[in-house]
PDB file of N, CA and C in Angstrom:
ATOM      1  N   MET A   1       0.860  -1.172   0.000  1.00  0.00           N
ATOM      2  CA  MET A   1       0.000   0.000   0.000  1.00  0.00           C
ATOM      3  C   MET A   1       0.909   1.238   0.000  1.00  0.00           C
ATOM      4  N   ASN A   2       0.742   2.075  -1.010  1.00  0.00           N
ATOM      5  CA  ASN A   2       1.568   3.284  -1.054  1.00  0.00           C
ATOM      6  C   ASN A   2       0.944   4.394  -0.208  1.00  0.00           C
ATOM      7  N   GLY A   3       1.640   5.519  -0.146  1.00  0.00           N
ATOM      8  CA  GLY A   3       1.201   6.613   0.722  1.00  0.00           C
ATOM      9  C   GLY A   3      -0.155   7.175   0.367  1.00  0.00           C
ATOM     10  N   ASN A   4      -0.423   7.338  -0.931  1.00  0.00           N
ATOM     11  CA  ASN A   4      -1.700   7.938  -1.337  1.00  0.00           C
ATOM     12  C   ASN A   4      -2.882   7.036  -0.995  1.00  0.00           C
ATOM     13  N   SER A   5      -2.736   5.746  -1.209  1.00  0.00           N
ATOM     14  CA  SER A   5      -3.852   4.852  -0.879  1.00  0.00           C
ATOM     15  C   SER A   5      -4.029   4.741   0.638  1.00  0.00           C
ATOM     16  N   ALA A   6      -2.945   4.863   1.381  1.00  0.00           N
ATOM     17  CA  ALA A   6      -3.064   4.847   2.846  1.00  0.00           C
ATOM     18  C   ALA A   6      -3.823   6.086   3.333  1.00  0.00           C
ATOM     19  N   ILE A   7      -3.544   7.233   2.726  1.00  0.00           N
ATOM     20  CA  ILE A   7      -4.268   8.458   3.090  1.00  0.00           C
ATOM     21  C   ILE A   7      -5.746   8.312   2.755  1.00  0.00           C
ATOM     22  N   ARG A   8      -6.049   7.749   1.587  1.00  0.00           N
ATOM     23  CA  ARG A   8      -7.451   7.555   1.197  1.00  0.00           C
ATOM     24  C   ARG A   8      -8.171   6.607   2.155  1.00  0.00           C
ATOM     25  N   GLN A   9      -7.504   5.524   2.527  1.00  0.00           N
ATOM     26  CA  GLN A   9      -8.105   4.565   3.460  1.00  0.00           C
ATOM     27  C   GLN A   9      -8.319   5.220   4.819  1.00  0.00           C
ATOM     28  N   PHE A  10      -7.351   5.986   5.296  1.00  0.00           N
ATOM     29  CA  PHE A  10      -7.488   6.700   6.563  1.00  0.00           C
ATOM     30  C   PHE A  10      -8.646   7.684   6.496  1.00  0.00           C
ATOM     31  N   HIS A  11      -8.804   8.366   5.356  1.00  0.00           N
ATOM     32  CA  HIS A  11      -9.889   9.329   5.171  1.00  0.00           C
ATOM     33  C   HIS A  11     -11.245   8.625   5.227  1.00  0.00           C
ATOM     34  N   ARG A  12     -11.328   7.458   4.614  1.00  0.00           N
ATOM     35  CA  ARG A  12     -12.589   6.701   4.632  1.00  0.00           C
ATOM     36  C   ARG A  12     -12.970   6.286   6.053  1.00  0.00           C
ATOM     37  N   TRP A  13     -12.023   5.747   6.787  1.00  0.00           N
ATOM     38  CA  TRP A  13     -12.322   5.300   8.141  1.00  0.00           C
ATOM     39  C   TRP A  13     -12.610   6.483   9.060  1.00  0.00           C
ATOM     40  N   THR A  14     -11.927   7.583   8.851  1.00  0.00           N
ATOM     41  CA  THR A  14     -12.190   8.773   9.654  1.00  0.00           C
ATOM     42  C   THR A  14     -13.586   9.304   9.378  1.00  0.00           C
ATOM     43  N   SER A  15     -14.046   9.187   8.150  1.00  0.00           N
ATOM     44  CA  SER A  15     -15.407   9.638   7.843  1.00  0.00           C
ATOM     45  C   SER A  15     -16.445   8.782   8.564  1.00  0.00           C
ATOM     46  N   ILE A  16     -16.152   7.494   8.733  1.00  0.00           N
ATOM     47  CA  ILE A  16     -17.063   6.631   9.482  1.00  0.00           C
ATOM     48  C   ILE A  16     -17.095   7.044  10.953  1.00  0.00           C
ATOM     49  N   VAL A  17     -15.917   7.329  11.510  1.00  0.00           N
ATOM     50  CA  VAL A  17     -15.851   7.790  12.905  1.00  0.00           C
ATOM     51  C   VAL A  17     -16.608   9.102  13.058  1.00  0.00           C
ATOM     52  N   PHE A  18     -16.449  10.002  12.094  1.00  0.00           N
ATOM     53  CA  PHE A  18     -17.157  11.282  12.138  1.00  0.00           C
ATOM     54  C   PHE A  18     -18.667  11.073  12.102  1.00  0.00           C
ATOM     55  N   MET A  19     -19.124  10.167  11.245  1.00  0.00           N
ATOM     56  CA  MET A  19     -20.557   9.905  11.143  1.00  0.00           C
ATOM     57  C   MET A  19     -21.108   9.356  12.455  1.00  0.00           C
ATOM     58  N   VAL A  20     -20.377   8.459  13.091  1.00  0.00           N
ATOM     59  CA  VAL A  20     -20.807   7.911  14.382  1.00  0.00           C
ATOM     60  C   VAL A  20     -20.847   9.012  15.438  1.00  0.00           C
ATOM     61  N   ALA A  21     -19.867   9.908  15.424  1.00  0.00           N
ATOM     62  CA  ALA A  21     -19.838  11.006  16.395  1.00  0.00           C
ATOM     63  C   ALA A  21     -21.018  11.952  16.191  1.00  0.00           C
ATOM     64  N   VAL A  22     -21.384  12.204  14.951  1.00  0.00           N
ATOM     65  CA  VAL A  22     -22.530  13.080  14.675  1.00  0.00           C
ATOM     66  C   VAL A  22     -23.823  12.414  15.125  1.00  0.00           C
ATOM     67  N   ILE A  23     -23.960  11.121  14.884  1.00  0.00           N
ATOM     68  CA  ILE A  23     -25.154  10.397  15.344  1.00  0.00           C
ATOM     69  C   ILE A  23     -25.226  10.410  16.864  1.00  0.00           C
ATOM     70  N   PHE A  24     -24.088  10.184  17.514  1.00  0.00           N
ATOM     71  CA  PHE A  24     -24.034  10.231  18.980  1.00  0.00           C
ATOM     72  C   PHE A  24     -24.425  11.616  19.491  1.00  0.00           C
ATOM     73  N   ASN A  25     -23.930  12.641  18.839  1.00  0.00           N
ATOM     74  CA  ASN A  25     -24.262  14.018  19.219  1.00  0.00           C
ATOM     75  C   ASN A  25     -25.756  14.275  19.072  1.00  0.00           C
ATOM     76  N   THR A  26     -26.355  13.792  17.992  1.00  0.00           N
ATOM     77  CA  THR A  26     -27.780  13.993  17.749  1.00  0.00           C
ATOM     78  C   THR A  26     -28.629  13.256  18.781  1.00  0.00           C
ATOM     79  N   VAL A  27     -28.238  12.021  19.097  1.00  0.00           N
ATOM     80  CA  VAL A  27     -28.981  11.245  20.088  1.00  0.00           C
ATOM     81  C   VAL A  27     -28.926  11.925  21.449  1.00  0.00           C
ATOM     82  N   MET A  28     -27.752  12.388  21.828  1.00  0.00           N
ATOM     83  CA  MET A  28     -27.610  13.069  23.116  1.00  0.00           C
ATOM     84  C   MET A  28     -28.417  14.368  23.153  1.00  0.00           C
ATOM     85  N   LEU A  29     -28.503  15.044  22.015  1.00  0.00           N
ATOM     86  CA  LEU A  29     -29.285  16.276  21.940  1.00  0.00           C
ATOM     87  C   LEU A  29     -30.776  15.978  22.108  1.00  0.00           C
ATOM     88  N   VAL A  30     -31.244  14.915  21.468  1.00  0.00           N
ATOM     89  CA  VAL A  30     -32.657  14.535  21.577  1.00  0.00           C
ATOM     90  C   VAL A  30     -32.988  14.102  23.004  1.00  0.00           C
ATOM     91  N   LEU A  31     -32.065  13.412  23.657  1.00  0.00           N
ATOM     92  CA  LEU A  31     -32.302  12.966  25.030  1.00  0.00           C
ATOM     93  C   LEU A  31     -32.176  14.099  26.039  1.00  0.00           C
ATOM     94  N   GLY A  32     -31.690  15.230  25.615  1.00  0.00           N
ATOM     95  CA  GLY A  32     -31.561  16.362  26.510  1.00  0.00           C
ATOM     96  C   GLY A  32     -30.335  16.313  27.392  1.00  0.00           C
ATOM     97  N   ARG A  33     -29.365  15.512  27.034  1.00  0.00           N
ATOM     98  CA  ARG A  33     -28.137  15.387  27.820  1.00  0.00           C
ATOM     99  C   ARG A  33     -26.961  16.036  27.114  1.00  0.00           C
ATOM    100  N   GLN A  34     -27.215  17.125  26.472  1.00  0.00           N
ATOM    101  CA  GLN A  34     -26.182  17.813  25.699  1.00  0.00           C
ATOM    102  C   GLN A  34     -25.148  18.422  26.643  1.00  0.00           C
ATOM    103  N   ALA A  35     -23.894  18.109  26.407  1.00  0.00           N
ATOM    104  CA  ALA A  35     -22.785  18.676  27.168  1.00  0.00           C
ATOM    105  C   ALA A  35     -21.747  19.179  26.175  1.00  0.00           C
ATOM    106  N   THR A  36     -20.840  19.980  26.650  1.00  0.00           N
ATOM    107  CA  THR A  36     -19.822  20.538  25.764  1.00  0.00           C
ATOM    108  C   THR A  36     -18.965  19.443  25.149  1.00  0.00           C
ATOM    109  N   TRP A  37     -18.574  18.453  25.943  1.00  0.00           N
ATOM    110  CA  TRP A  37     -17.711  17.403  25.421  1.00  0.00           C
ATOM    111  C   TRP A  37     -18.417  16.582  24.350  1.00  0.00           C
ATOM    112  N   VAL A  38     -19.736  16.465  24.437  1.00  0.00           N
ATOM    113  CA  VAL A  38     -20.484  15.726  23.415  1.00  0.00           C
ATOM    114  C   VAL A  38     -20.432  16.477  22.093  1.00  0.00           C
ATOM    115  N   GLY A  39     -20.554  17.781  22.171  1.00  0.00           N
ATOM    116  CA  GLY A  39     -20.482  18.586  20.954  1.00  0.00           C
ATOM    117  C   GLY A  39     -19.116  18.573  20.310  1.00  0.00           C
ATOM    118  N   LEU A  40     -18.095  18.357  21.126  1.00  0.00           N
ATOM    119  CA  LEU A  40     -16.724  18.356  20.604  1.00  0.00           C
ATOM    120  C   LEU A  40     -16.271  16.986  20.090  1.00  0.00           C
ATOM    121  N   THR A  41     -17.083  15.949  20.283  1.00  0.00           N
ATOM    122  CA  THR A  41     -16.668  14.614  19.845  1.00  0.00           C
ATOM    123  C   THR A  41     -16.491  14.536  18.332  1.00  0.00           C
ATOM    124  N   ALA A  42     -17.231  15.313  17.591  1.00  0.00           N
ATOM    125  CA  ALA A  42     -17.116  15.282  16.135  1.00  0.00           C
ATOM    126  C   ALA A  42     -16.045  16.231  15.616  1.00  0.00           C
ATOM    127  N   LEU A  43     -15.523  17.066  16.474  1.00  0.00           N
ATOM    128  CA  LEU A  43     -14.563  18.069  16.021  1.00  0.00           C
ATOM    129  C   LEU A  43     -13.226  17.458  15.614  1.00  0.00           C
ATOM    130  N   PHE A  44     -12.694  16.532  16.406  1.00  0.00           N
ATOM    131  CA  PHE A  44     -11.394  15.941  16.084  1.00  0.00           C
ATOM    132  C   PHE A  44     -11.414  15.180  14.759  1.00  0.00           C
ATOM    133  N   PRO A  45     -12.398  14.280  14.521  1.00  0.00           N
ATOM    134  CA  PRO A  45     -12.433  13.618  13.213  1.00  0.00           C
ATOM    135  C   PRO A  45     -12.668  14.602  12.071  1.00  0.00           C
ATOM    136  N   LEU A  46     -13.419  15.666  12.341  1.00  0.00           N
ATOM    137  CA  LEU A  46     -13.669  16.655  11.299  1.00  0.00           C
ATOM    138  C   LEU A  46     -12.376  17.365  10.891  1.00  0.00           C
ATOM    139  N   ILE A  47     -11.532  17.673  11.856  1.00  0.00           N
ATOM    140  CA  ILE A  47     -10.246  18.306  11.547  1.00  0.00           C
ATOM    141  C   ILE A  47      -9.373  17.352  10.740  1.00  0.00           C
ATOM    142  N   LEU A  48      -9.347  16.069  11.115  1.00  0.00           N
ATOM    143  CA  LEU A  48      -8.579  15.093  10.340  1.00  0.00           C
ATOM    144  C   LEU A  48      -9.125  14.942   8.926  1.00  0.00           C
ATOM    145  N   LEU A  49     -10.452  14.964   8.794  1.00  0.00           N
ATOM    146  CA  LEU A  49     -11.060  14.885   7.460  1.00  0.00           C
ATOM    147  C   LEU A  49     -10.686  16.096   6.614  1.00  0.00           C
ATOM    148  N   MET A  50     -10.628  17.266   7.229  1.00  0.00           N
ATOM    149  CA  MET A  50     -10.258  18.464   6.497  1.00  0.00           C
ATOM    150  C   MET A  50      -8.816  18.370   5.996  1.00  0.00           C
ATOM    151  N   ILE A  51      -7.915  17.931   6.857  1.00  0.00           N
ATOM    152  CA  ILE A  51      -6.506  17.847   6.477  1.00  0.00           C
ATOM    153  C   ILE A  51      -6.299  16.824   5.356  1.00  0.00           C
ATOM    154  N   THR A  52      -6.850  15.628   5.520  1.00  0.00           N
ATOM    155  CA  THR A  52      -6.662  14.606   4.496  1.00  0.00           C
ATOM    156  C   THR A  52      -7.413  14.951   3.215  1.00  0.00           C
ATOM    157  N   GLY A  53      -8.574  15.581   3.348  1.00  0.00           N
ATOM    158  CA  GLY A  53      -9.324  15.992   2.160  1.00  0.00           C
ATOM    159  C   GLY A  53      -8.607  17.065   1.362  1.00  0.00           C
ATOM    160  N   LEU A  54      -8.025  18.027   2.048  1.00  0.00           N
ATOM    161  CA  LEU A  54      -7.251  19.060   1.348  1.00  0.00           C
ATOM    162  C   LEU A  54      -6.025  18.470   0.680  1.00  0.00           C
ATOM    163  N   TYR A  55      -5.394  17.505   1.333  1.00  0.00           N
ATOM    164  CA  TYR A  55      -4.238  16.838   0.735  1.00  0.00           C
ATOM    165  C   TYR A  55      -4.646  16.109  -0.546  1.00  0.00           C
ATOM    166  N   MET A  56      -5.748  15.350  -0.480  1.00  0.00           N
ATOM    167  CA  MET A  56      -6.190  14.623  -1.674  1.00  0.00           C
ATOM    168  C   MET A  56      -6.669  15.569  -2.764  1.00  0.00           C
ATOM    169  N   PHE A  57      -7.232  16.708  -2.372  1.00  0.00           N
ATOM    170  CA  PHE A  57      -7.653  17.700  -3.349  1.00  0.00           C
ATOM    171  C   PHE A  57      -6.448  18.283  -4.080  1.00  0.00           C
ATOM    172  N   ALA A  58      -5.348  18.467  -3.376  1.00  0.00           N
ATOM    173  CA  ALA A  58      -4.158  19.082  -3.967  1.00  0.00           C
ATOM    174  C   ALA A  58      -3.312  18.092  -4.768  1.00  0.00           C
ATOM    175  N   LEU A  59      -3.506  16.798  -4.603  1.00  0.00           N
ATOM    176  CA  LEU A  59      -2.676  15.810  -5.289  1.00  0.00           C
ATOM    177  C   LEU A  59      -2.616  15.976  -6.806  1.00  0.00           C
ATOM    178  N   PRO A  60      -3.729  16.153  -7.513  1.00  0.00           N
ATOM    179  CA  PRO A  60      -3.622  16.304  -8.974  1.00  0.00           C
ATOM    180  C   PRO A  60      -2.838  17.552  -9.381  1.00  0.00           C
ATOM    181  N   TYR A  61      -2.981  18.611  -8.620  1.00  0.00           N
ATOM    182  CA  TYR A  61      -2.265  19.841  -8.947  1.00  0.00           C
ATOM    183  C   TYR A  61      -0.774  19.696  -8.674  1.00  0.00           C
ATOM    184  N   LEU A  62      -0.434  18.978  -7.623  1.00  0.00           N
ATOM    185  CA  LEU A  62       0.971  18.732  -7.330  1.00  0.00           C
ATOM    186  C   LEU A  62       1.590  17.809  -8.371  1.00  0.00           C
ATOM    187  N   ALA A  63       0.818  16.833  -8.846  1.00  0.00           N
ATOM    188  CA  ALA A  63       1.328  15.916  -9.861  1.00  0.00           C
ATOM    189  C   ALA A  63       1.564  16.642 -11.179  1.00  0.00           C
ATOM    190  N   LYS A  64       0.701  17.598 -11.525  1.00  0.00           N
ATOM    191  CA  LYS A  64       0.889  18.366 -12.757  1.00  0.00           C
ATOM    192  C   LYS A  64       2.156  19.197 -12.701  1.00  0.00           C
ATOM    193  N   SER A  65       2.465  19.736 -11.539  1.00  0.00           N
ATOM    194  CA  SER A  65       3.645  20.581 -11.439  1.00  0.00           C
ATOM    195  C   SER A  65       4.929  19.760 -11.443  1.00  0.00           C
ATOM    196  N   ARG A  66       4.843  18.474 -11.121  1.00  0.00           N
ATOM    197  CA  ARG A  66       6.044  17.620 -11.099  1.00  0.00           C
ATOM    198  C   ARG A  66       6.357  17.020 -12.449  1.00  0.00           C
ATOM    199  N   THR A  67       5.341  16.791 -13.291  1.00  0.00           N
ATOM    200  CA  THR A  67       5.586  16.193 -14.598  1.00  0.00           C
ATOM    201  C   THR A  67       5.917  17.292 -15.607  1.00  0.00           C
ATOM    202  N   PRO A  68       7.000  17.109 -16.338  1.00  0.00           N
ATOM    203  CA  PRO A  68       7.345  18.134 -17.323  1.00  0.00           C
ATOM    204  C   PRO A  68       6.380  18.120 -18.501  1.00  0.00           C
ATOM    205  N   SER A  69       6.018  19.301 -18.955  1.00  0.00           N
ATOM    206  CA  SER A  69       5.114  19.381 -20.109  1.00  0.00           C
ATOM    207  C   SER A  69       5.930  19.280 -21.391  1.00  0.00           C
ATOM    208  N   PRO A  70       5.314  18.854 -22.507  1.00  0.00           N
ATOM    209  CA  PRO A  70       6.041  18.729 -23.775  1.00  0.00           C
ATOM    210  C   PRO A  70       6.593  20.086 -24.252  1.00  0.00           C
ATOM    211  N   ALA A  71       5.921  21.168 -23.925  1.00  0.00           N
ATOM    212  CA  ALA A  71       6.387  22.484 -24.359  1.00  0.00           C
ATOM    213  C   ALA A  71       7.711  22.840 -23.672  1.00  0.00           C
ATOM    214  N   ARG A  72       7.870  22.420 -22.435  1.00  0.00           N
ATOM    215  CA  ARG A  72       9.126  22.700 -21.726  1.00  0.00           C
ATOM    216  C   ARG A  72      10.260  21.870 -22.269  1.00  0.00           C
ATOM    217  N   ASP A  73       9.965  20.629 -22.694  1.00  0.00           N
ATOM    218  CA  ASP A  73      10.998  19.747 -23.218  1.00  0.00           C
ATOM    219  C   ASP A  73      11.525  20.253 -24.558  1.00  0.00           C
ATOM    220  N   ALA A  74      10.673  20.854 -25.374  1.00  0.00           N
ATOM    221  CA  ALA A  74      11.064  21.308 -26.707  1.00  0.00           C
ATOM    222  C   ALA A  74      11.936  22.560 -26.637  1.00  0.00           C
ATOM    223  N   ALA A  75      11.820  23.315 -25.589  1.00  0.00           N
ATOM    224  CA  ALA A  75      12.574  24.574 -25.493  1.00  0.00           C
ATOM    225  C   ALA A  75      14.009  24.390 -25.125  1.00  0.00           C
TER     226      ALA A  75
END
């Protein structure tokens, strides 16, 4: 497994953790047991999702800048 597929797999599993945290937050809200720590349970996976998502979003642009274009080779 190379680095990019490991990041994608980590992103997938983190999204599952985030979904469970949001469901837990919603259930606690409906039961009336809302606390600050319950609201923050989804924050950590959300930050990880943002970081890995931005990395995967930037991958095609980084790959374009690393591969030489035919116009540069001809010059």
